[in-house]
Amino acid sequence: MGETDFNEKFEDFLNSYVAEKINEIRKQHKDLVAQKAALAQKLESCEAFWAYEE
């Protein structure tokens, strides 16, 4: 295997690895956005309850 082959394979490996990590981060981001929306909705419910109690 020549240096050029190694460099190409290494570049392919890095591109694949980076793409995989980007996909993982996107999924985590999507999950966190959903959690944030759920917490915001829960907070609004709590605030509405306390406004009703006052």
N, C-alpha and C. Protein backbone atom coordinates (compact mmCIF):
# COMPACT_ATOMS: atom_id res chain seq x y z
N MET A 1 0.86 -1.18 0.00
CA MET A 1 0.00 0.00 0.00
C MET A 1 0.90 1.23 0.00
N GLY A 2 0.67 2.09 -0.97
CA GLY A 2 1.47 3.29 -1.07
C GLY A 2 0.94 4.38 -0.16
N GLU A 3 1.71 5.42 -0.05
CA GLU A 3 1.31 6.54 0.80
C GLU A 3 0.01 7.16 0.32
N THR A 4 -0.18 7.23 -1.00
CA THR A 4 -1.40 7.80 -1.56
C THR A 4 -2.61 6.97 -1.17
N ASP A 5 -2.49 5.64 -1.26
CA ASP A 5 -3.59 4.75 -0.86
C ASP A 5 -3.92 4.95 0.62
N PHE A 6 -2.87 5.00 1.43
CA PHE A 6 -3.07 5.19 2.86
C PHE A 6 -3.79 6.51 3.14
N ASN A 7 -3.33 7.57 2.50
CA ASN A 7 -3.95 8.88 2.71
C ASN A 7 -5.42 8.88 2.30
N GLU A 8 -5.73 8.23 1.19
CA GLU A 8 -7.12 8.16 0.72
C GLU A 8 -7.98 7.36 1.69
N LYS A 9 -7.47 6.23 2.14
CA LYS A 9 -8.23 5.41 3.08
C LYS A 9 -8.40 6.13 4.41
N PHE A 10 -7.36 6.79 4.85
CA PHE A 10 -7.43 7.54 6.10
C PHE A 10 -8.44 8.68 5.99
N GLU A 11 -8.43 9.38 4.86
CA GLU A 11 -9.38 10.46 4.63
C GLU A 11 -10.82 9.92 4.60
N ASP A 12 -11.02 8.78 3.95
CA ASP A 12 -12.35 8.15 3.92
C ASP A 12 -12.79 7.79 5.33
N PHE A 13 -11.87 7.22 6.11
CA PHE A 13 -12.18 6.86 7.49
C PHE A 13 -12.57 8.10 8.30
N LEU A 14 -11.78 9.16 8.18
CA LEU A 14 -12.08 10.38 8.93
C LEU A 14 -13.41 10.98 8.52
N ASN A 15 -13.68 11.02 7.23
CA ASN A 15 -14.95 11.56 6.75
C ASN A 15 -16.13 10.75 7.29
N SER A 16 -15.98 9.43 7.28
CA SER A 16 -17.03 8.55 7.79
C SER A 16 -17.23 8.78 9.29
N TYR A 17 -16.14 8.86 10.02
CA TYR A 17 -16.19 9.07 11.47
C TYR A 17 -16.85 10.40 11.80
N VAL A 18 -16.44 11.44 11.12
CA VAL A 18 -17.00 12.77 11.37
C VAL A 18 -18.48 12.79 11.01
N ALA A 19 -18.87 12.18 9.92
CA ALA A 19 -20.28 12.13 9.53
C ALA A 19 -21.10 11.40 10.58
N GLU A 20 -20.56 10.32 11.12
CA GLU A 20 -21.25 9.56 12.16
C GLU A 20 -21.43 10.41 13.41
N LYS A 21 -20.39 11.12 13.81
CA LYS A 21 -20.47 11.97 15.00
C LYS A 21 -21.46 13.12 14.78
N ILE A 22 -21.48 13.68 13.59
CA ILE A 22 -22.43 14.75 13.28
C ILE A 22 -23.85 14.23 13.40
N ASN A 23 -24.11 13.04 12.90
CA ASN A 23 -25.44 12.45 13.01
C ASN A 23 -25.83 12.20 14.46
N GLU A 24 -24.87 11.74 15.28
CA GLU A 24 -25.14 11.54 16.70
C GLU A 24 -25.49 12.87 17.38
N ILE A 25 -24.75 13.90 17.06
CA ILE A 25 -24.99 15.22 17.66
C ILE A 25 -26.35 15.76 17.22
N ARG A 26 -26.69 15.57 15.96
CA ARG A 26 -28.01 16.02 15.47
C ARG A 26 -29.14 15.31 16.21
N LYS A 27 -28.98 14.00 16.44
CA LYS A 27 -30.00 13.25 17.16
C LYS A 27 -30.10 13.74 18.61
N GLN A 28 -28.95 13.95 19.24
CA GLN A 28 -28.95 14.46 20.61
C GLN A 28 -29.61 15.83 20.66
N HIS A 29 -29.32 16.67 19.69
CA HIS A 29 -29.89 18.01 19.63
C HIS A 29 -31.41 17.92 19.50
N LYS A 30 -31.87 17.03 18.61
CA LYS A 30 -33.30 16.85 18.41
C LYS A 30 -33.96 16.39 19.71
N ASP A 31 -33.33 15.44 20.40
CA ASP A 31 -33.87 14.96 21.67
C ASP A 31 -33.89 16.07 22.72
N LEU A 32 -32.84 16.87 22.77
CA LEU A 32 -32.78 17.96 23.74
C LEU A 32 -33.83 19.04 23.45
N VAL A 33 -34.06 19.32 22.18
CA VAL A 33 -35.09 20.29 21.81
C VAL A 33 -36.46 19.78 22.25
N ALA A 34 -36.70 18.49 22.06
CA ALA A 34 -37.98 17.91 22.50
C ALA A 34 -38.12 17.98 24.01
N GLN A 35 -37.03 17.70 24.74
CA GLN A 35 -37.06 17.80 26.20
C GLN A 35 -37.31 19.24 26.64
N LYS A 36 -36.69 20.17 25.96
CA LYS A 36 -36.86 21.59 26.29
C LYS A 36 -38.32 22.00 26.08
N ALA A 37 -38.92 21.55 24.98
CA ALA A 37 -40.31 21.88 24.71
C ALA A 37 -41.23 21.28 25.78
N ALA A 38 -40.94 20.06 26.19
CA ALA A 38 -41.74 19.41 27.23
C ALA A 38 -41.61 20.16 28.56
N LEU A 39 -40.40 20.58 28.89
CA LEU A 39 -40.19 21.33 30.13
C LEU A 39 -40.87 22.70 30.08
N ALA A 40 -40.82 23.33 28.93
CA ALA A 40 -41.48 24.63 28.78
C ALA A 40 -42.99 24.48 28.96
N GLN A 41 -43.53 23.42 28.41
CA GLN A 41 -44.97 23.18 28.56
C GLN A 41 -45.31 22.89 30.02
N LYS A 42 -44.48 22.11 30.69
CA LYS A 42 -44.72 21.81 32.10
C LYS A 42 -44.62 23.09 32.94
N LEU A 43 -43.65 23.94 32.63
CA LEU A 43 -43.49 25.20 33.34
C LEU A 43 -44.72 26.08 33.16
N GLU A 44 -45.23 26.15 31.94
CA GLU A 44 -46.44 26.93 31.69
C GLU A 44 -47.61 26.39 32.49
N SER A 45 -47.72 25.08 32.60
CA SER A 45 -48.79 24.46 33.38
C SER A 45 -48.65 24.85 34.85
N CYS A 46 -47.43 24.77 35.36
CA CYS A 46 -47.20 25.14 36.76
C CYS A 46 -47.50 26.61 37.01
N GLU A 47 -47.05 27.46 36.09
CA GLU A 47 -47.31 28.90 36.24
C GLU A 47 -48.80 29.18 36.18
N ALA A 48 -49.51 28.50 35.29
CA ALA A 48 -50.96 28.68 35.20
C ALA A 48 -51.63 28.21 36.49
N PHE A 49 -51.17 27.11 37.07
CA PHE A 49 -51.73 26.62 38.32
C PHE A 49 -51.53 27.62 39.44
N TRP A 50 -50.31 28.14 39.55
CA TRP A 50 -50.03 29.08 40.65
C TRP A 50 -50.76 30.40 40.44
N ALA A 51 -50.92 30.80 39.19
CA ALA A 51 -51.70 32.04 38.92
C ALA A 51 -53.16 31.79 39.32
N TYR A 52 -53.66 30.60 39.10
CA TYR A 52 -55.03 30.26 39.47
C TYR A 52 -55.17 30.21 40.98
N GLU A 53 -54.16 29.70 41.68
CA GLU A 53 -54.22 29.58 43.14
C GLU A 53 -54.16 30.93 43.81
N GLU A 54 -53.52 31.91 43.21
CA GLU A 54 -53.41 33.24 43.82
C GLU A 54 -54.71 33.92 43.64
